[in-house]
């Protein structure tokens, strides 16, 4: 399937990968929509700011479930080390700015997020966690 207009194949694939992780939540549920948005923002950042010619980025989705909660962790790793986002909570950009909202959105939607050195390869990993309480 071809990606919708405006999305690169890598960005589209990252969005599609996020869907099965929240399989126990309907596609139109808040947790699934939040997971998809967080994944899209982290993947877009890796494409726009973490790209190194000849290298790709990696998306890893982890689900840990207990009787009370489900923890969904999205990790996006790229090979660019010199462009590392600050671990501080991002501030919202000015209303007339066209960019700069990605990590601010992630910080507001995710329960936790962080930047860490990439394990086993050069680069960094930006991860975000979403905790879903069972009713």
C-alpha atoms as a PDB file:
ATOM      1  CA  UNK A   1       0.000   0.000   0.000  1.00  0.00           C
ATOM      2  CA  UNK A   2       1.267   3.475  -0.867  1.00  0.00           C
ATOM      3  CA  UNK A   3       1.493   6.065   1.902  1.00  0.00           C
ATOM      4  CA  UNK A   4      -0.953   8.978   1.843  1.00  0.00           C
ATOM      5  CA  UNK A   5       0.246  12.160   0.167  1.00  0.00           C
ATOM      6  CA  UNK A   6       2.775  14.011   2.312  1.00  0.00           C
ATOM      7  CA  UNK A   7       4.001  10.986   4.277  1.00  0.00           C
ATOM      8  CA  UNK A   8       7.257   9.223   3.539  1.00  0.00           C
ATOM      9  CA  UNK A   9       7.090   5.415   3.431  1.00  0.00           C
ATOM     10  CA  UNK A  10       9.103   5.212   6.690  1.00  0.00           C
ATOM     11  CA  UNK A  11       6.750   7.622   8.473  1.00  0.00           C
ATOM     12  CA  UNK A  12       3.682   5.758   7.177  1.00  0.00           C
ATOM     13  CA  UNK A  13       5.128   2.395   8.258  1.00  0.00           C
ATOM     14  CA  UNK A  14       5.831   3.740  11.756  1.00  0.00           C
ATOM     15  CA  UNK A  15       2.205   4.855  12.023  1.00  0.00           C
ATOM     16  CA  UNK A  16       0.952   1.470  10.878  1.00  0.00           C
ATOM     17  CA  UNK A  17       3.220  -0.364  13.328  1.00  0.00           C
ATOM     18  CA  UNK A  18       1.641   1.494  16.229  1.00  0.00           C
ATOM     19  CA  UNK A  19      -1.823   0.039  15.527  1.00  0.00           C
ATOM     20  CA  UNK A  20      -1.277  -3.621  16.595  1.00  0.00           C
ATOM     21  CA  UNK A  21       0.371  -2.604  19.886  1.00  0.00           C
ATOM     22  CA  UNK A  22      -2.891  -1.139  21.132  1.00  0.00           C
ATOM     23  CA  UNK A  23      -4.890  -4.063  19.736  1.00  0.00           C
ATOM     24  CA  UNK A  24      -7.047  -4.391  22.845  1.00  0.00           C
ATOM     25  CA  UNK A  25      -8.235  -0.816  22.385  1.00  0.00           C
ATOM     26  CA  UNK A  26     -10.547   0.111  19.509  1.00  0.00           C
ATOM     27  CA  UNK A  27      -8.874   2.077  16.718  1.00  0.00           C
ATOM     28  CA  UNK A  28     -10.916   5.146  17.577  1.00  0.00           C
ATOM     29  CA  UNK A  29     -10.137   4.959  21.312  1.00  0.00           C
ATOM     30  CA  UNK A  30      -8.173   7.669  23.097  1.00  0.00           C
ATOM     31  CA  UNK A  31      -5.246   5.340  23.999  1.00  0.00           C
ATOM     32  CA  UNK A  32      -4.861   4.180  20.398  1.00  0.00           C
ATOM     33  CA  UNK A  33      -5.093   7.694  18.972  1.00  0.00           C
ATOM     34  CA  UNK A  34      -2.588   8.955  21.574  1.00  0.00           C
ATOM     35  CA  UNK A  35      -0.170   6.102  20.834  1.00  0.00           C
ATOM     36  CA  UNK A  36      -0.422   6.806  17.103  1.00  0.00           C
ATOM     37  CA  UNK A  37       0.223  10.531  17.566  1.00  0.00           C
ATOM     38  CA  UNK A  38       3.230   9.958  19.848  1.00  0.00           C
ATOM     39  CA  UNK A  39       4.686   7.417  17.394  1.00  0.00           C
ATOM     40  CA  UNK A  40       4.145   9.808  14.483  1.00  0.00           C
ATOM     41  CA  UNK A  41       5.849  12.696  16.280  1.00  0.00           C
ATOM     42  CA  UNK A  42       8.884  10.644  17.341  1.00  0.00           C
ATOM     43  CA  UNK A  43       9.207   9.122  13.852  1.00  0.00           C
ATOM     44  CA  UNK A  44       8.876  12.546  12.215  1.00  0.00           C
ATOM     45  CA  UNK A  45      11.622  13.900  14.477  1.00  0.00           C
ATOM     46  CA  UNK A  46      13.896  10.995  13.544  1.00  0.00           C
ATOM     47  CA  UNK A  47      13.232  11.649   9.856  1.00  0.00           C
ATOM     48  CA  UNK A  48      13.660  15.439  10.038  1.00  0.00           C
ATOM     49  CA  UNK A  49      16.363  15.831  12.690  1.00  0.00           C
ATOM     50  CA  UNK A  50      18.064  12.449  13.093  1.00  0.00           C
ATOM     51  CA  UNK A  51      18.639  11.434   9.498  1.00  0.00           C
ATOM     52  CA  UNK A  52      22.135  10.410   8.451  1.00  0.00           C
ATOM     53  CA  UNK A  53      22.616   9.620   4.760  1.00  0.00           C
ATOM     54  CA  UNK A  54      22.586   5.870   4.142  1.00  0.00           C
ATOM     55  CA  UNK A  55      21.139   5.093   7.575  1.00  0.00           C
ATOM     56  CA  UNK A  56      17.609   4.443   8.721  1.00  0.00           C
ATOM     57  CA  UNK A  57      15.810   4.902  12.005  1.00  0.00           C
ATOM     58  CA  UNK A  58      14.243   2.149  14.098  1.00  0.00           C
ATOM     59  CA  UNK A  59      10.877   2.046  15.857  1.00  0.00           C
ATOM     60  CA  UNK A  60      10.292  -0.382  18.700  1.00  0.00           C
ATOM     61  CA  UNK A  61       6.980  -0.774  20.481  1.00  0.00           C
ATOM     62  CA  UNK A  62       6.793  -2.633  23.783  1.00  0.00           C
ATOM     63  CA  UNK A  63       3.676  -3.638  25.690  1.00  0.00           C
ATOM     64  CA  UNK A  64       3.779  -4.742  29.344  1.00  0.00           C
ATOM     65  CA  UNK A  65       0.478  -5.720  30.910  1.00  0.00           C
ATOM     66  CA  UNK A  66      -0.411  -6.323  34.547  1.00  0.00           C
ATOM     67  CA  UNK A  67      -3.797  -6.825  36.119  1.00  0.00           C
ATOM     68  CA  UNK A  68      -4.153  -3.086  36.774  1.00  0.00           C
ATOM     69  CA  UNK A  69      -2.412  -1.379  33.847  1.00  0.00           C
ATOM     70  CA  UNK A  70      -0.916  -1.738  30.406  1.00  0.00           C
ATOM     71  CA  UNK A  71       2.304   0.137  29.720  1.00  0.00           C
ATOM     72  CA  UNK A  72       3.019   0.988  26.096  1.00  0.00           C
ATOM     73  CA  UNK A  73       6.554   2.176  25.328  1.00  0.00           C
ATOM     74  CA  UNK A  74       7.521   3.649  21.984  1.00  0.00           C
ATOM     75  CA  UNK A  75      11.246   3.877  21.216  1.00  0.00           C
ATOM     76  CA  UNK A  76      12.598   5.604  18.123  1.00  0.00           C
ATOM     77  CA  UNK A  77      16.340   5.329  17.552  1.00  0.00           C
ATOM     78  CA  UNK A  78      18.469   7.097  14.959  1.00  0.00           C
ATOM     79  CA  UNK A  79      22.195   7.333  14.318  1.00  0.00           C
ATOM     80  CA  UNK A  80      22.658  11.076  14.728  1.00  0.00           C
ATOM     81  CA  UNK A  81      24.391  11.893  17.997  1.00  0.00           C
ATOM     82  CA  UNK A  82      25.069  15.619  17.660  1.00  0.00           C
ATOM     83  CA  UNK A  83      21.382  16.590  17.497  1.00  0.00           C
ATOM     84  CA  UNK A  84      20.017  15.386  20.802  1.00  0.00           C
ATOM     85  CA  UNK A  85      16.847  16.915  22.259  1.00  0.00           C
ATOM     86  CA  UNK A  86      17.072  18.355  25.732  1.00  0.00           C
ATOM     87  CA  UNK A  87      15.697  16.146  28.500  1.00  0.00           C
ATOM     88  CA  UNK A  88      14.034  19.247  29.958  1.00  0.00           C
ATOM     89  CA  UNK A  89      10.293  19.602  29.430  1.00  0.00           C
ATOM     90  CA  UNK A  90       9.930  21.358  26.076  1.00  0.00           C
ATOM     91  CA  UNK A  91       8.306  24.766  26.081  1.00  0.00           C
ATOM     92  CA  UNK A  92       5.533  25.476  23.623  1.00  0.00           C
ATOM     93  CA  UNK A  93       6.676  27.475  20.604  1.00  0.00           C
ATOM     94  CA  UNK A  94       5.314  30.915  19.865  1.00  0.00           C
ATOM     95  CA  UNK A  95       1.934  30.808  18.152  1.00  0.00           C
ATOM     96  CA  UNK A  96       3.409  32.192  14.918  1.00  0.00           C
ATOM     97  CA  UNK A  97       6.133  29.499  14.713  1.00  0.00           C
ATOM     98  CA  UNK A  98       5.576  26.822  12.063  1.00  0.00           C
ATOM     99  CA  UNK A  99       7.680  24.125  13.760  1.00  0.00           C
ATOM    100  CA  UNK A 100       8.792  23.053  17.218  1.00  0.00           C
ATOM    101  CA  UNK A 101       5.674  21.406  18.572  1.00  0.00           C
ATOM    102  CA  UNK A 102       6.622  17.718  18.249  1.00  0.00           C
ATOM    103  CA  UNK A 103       8.363  17.015  21.547  1.00  0.00           C
ATOM    104  CA  UNK A 104       6.098  19.475  23.333  1.00  0.00           C
ATOM    105  CA  UNK A 105       3.116  17.365  22.182  1.00  0.00           C
ATOM    106  CA  UNK A 106       4.905  14.166  23.221  1.00  0.00           C
ATOM    107  CA  UNK A 107       5.654  15.628  26.672  1.00  0.00           C
ATOM    108  CA  UNK A 108       1.995  16.538  27.129  1.00  0.00           C
ATOM    109  CA  UNK A 109       0.539  13.249  25.835  1.00  0.00           C
ATOM    110  CA  UNK A 110       2.980  10.710  27.298  1.00  0.00           C
ATOM    111  CA  UNK A 111       3.174   9.765  30.955  1.00  0.00           C
ATOM    112  CA  UNK A 112       6.991   9.776  30.669  1.00  0.00           C
ATOM    113  CA  UNK A 113       9.551  10.447  27.940  1.00  0.00           C
ATOM    114  CA  UNK A 114      13.322  10.626  27.765  1.00  0.00           C
ATOM    115  CA  UNK A 115      16.374  10.621  25.527  1.00  0.00           C
ATOM    116  CA  UNK A 116      19.039   7.956  26.030  1.00  0.00           C
ATOM    117  CA  UNK A 117      22.152   6.762  24.197  1.00  0.00           C
ATOM    118  CA  UNK A 118      21.343   4.077  21.645  1.00  0.00           C
ATOM    119  CA  UNK A 119      22.367   0.621  22.839  1.00  0.00           C
ATOM    120  CA  UNK A 120      24.630  -1.392  20.545  1.00  0.00           C
ATOM    121  CA  UNK A 121      24.998   1.296  17.882  1.00  0.00           C
ATOM    122  CA  UNK A 122      25.861   4.960  17.539  1.00  0.00           C
ATOM    123  CA  UNK A 123      23.095   7.480  18.025  1.00  0.00           C
ATOM    124  CA  UNK A 124      20.260   8.088  20.406  1.00  0.00           C
ATOM    125  CA  UNK A 125      16.916   6.624  21.371  1.00  0.00           C
ATOM    126  CA  UNK A 126      13.949   8.819  22.230  1.00  0.00           C
ATOM    127  CA  UNK A 127      11.246   6.957  24.078  1.00  0.00           C
ATOM    128  CA  UNK A 128       7.826   7.733  25.471  1.00  0.00           C
ATOM    129  CA  UNK A 129       5.534   5.711  27.715  1.00  0.00           C
ATOM    130  CA  UNK A 130       1.768   5.660  27.850  1.00  0.00           C
ATOM    131  CA  UNK A 131       0.089   3.987  30.809  1.00  0.00           C
ATOM    132  CA  UNK A 132      -3.443   2.669  30.352  1.00  0.00           C
ATOM    133  CA  UNK A 133      -5.429   1.813  33.476  1.00  0.00           C
ATOM    134  CA  UNK A 134      -7.780  -1.149  33.209  1.00  0.00           C
ATOM    135  CA  UNK A 135     -11.322  -0.524  34.341  1.00  0.00           C
END
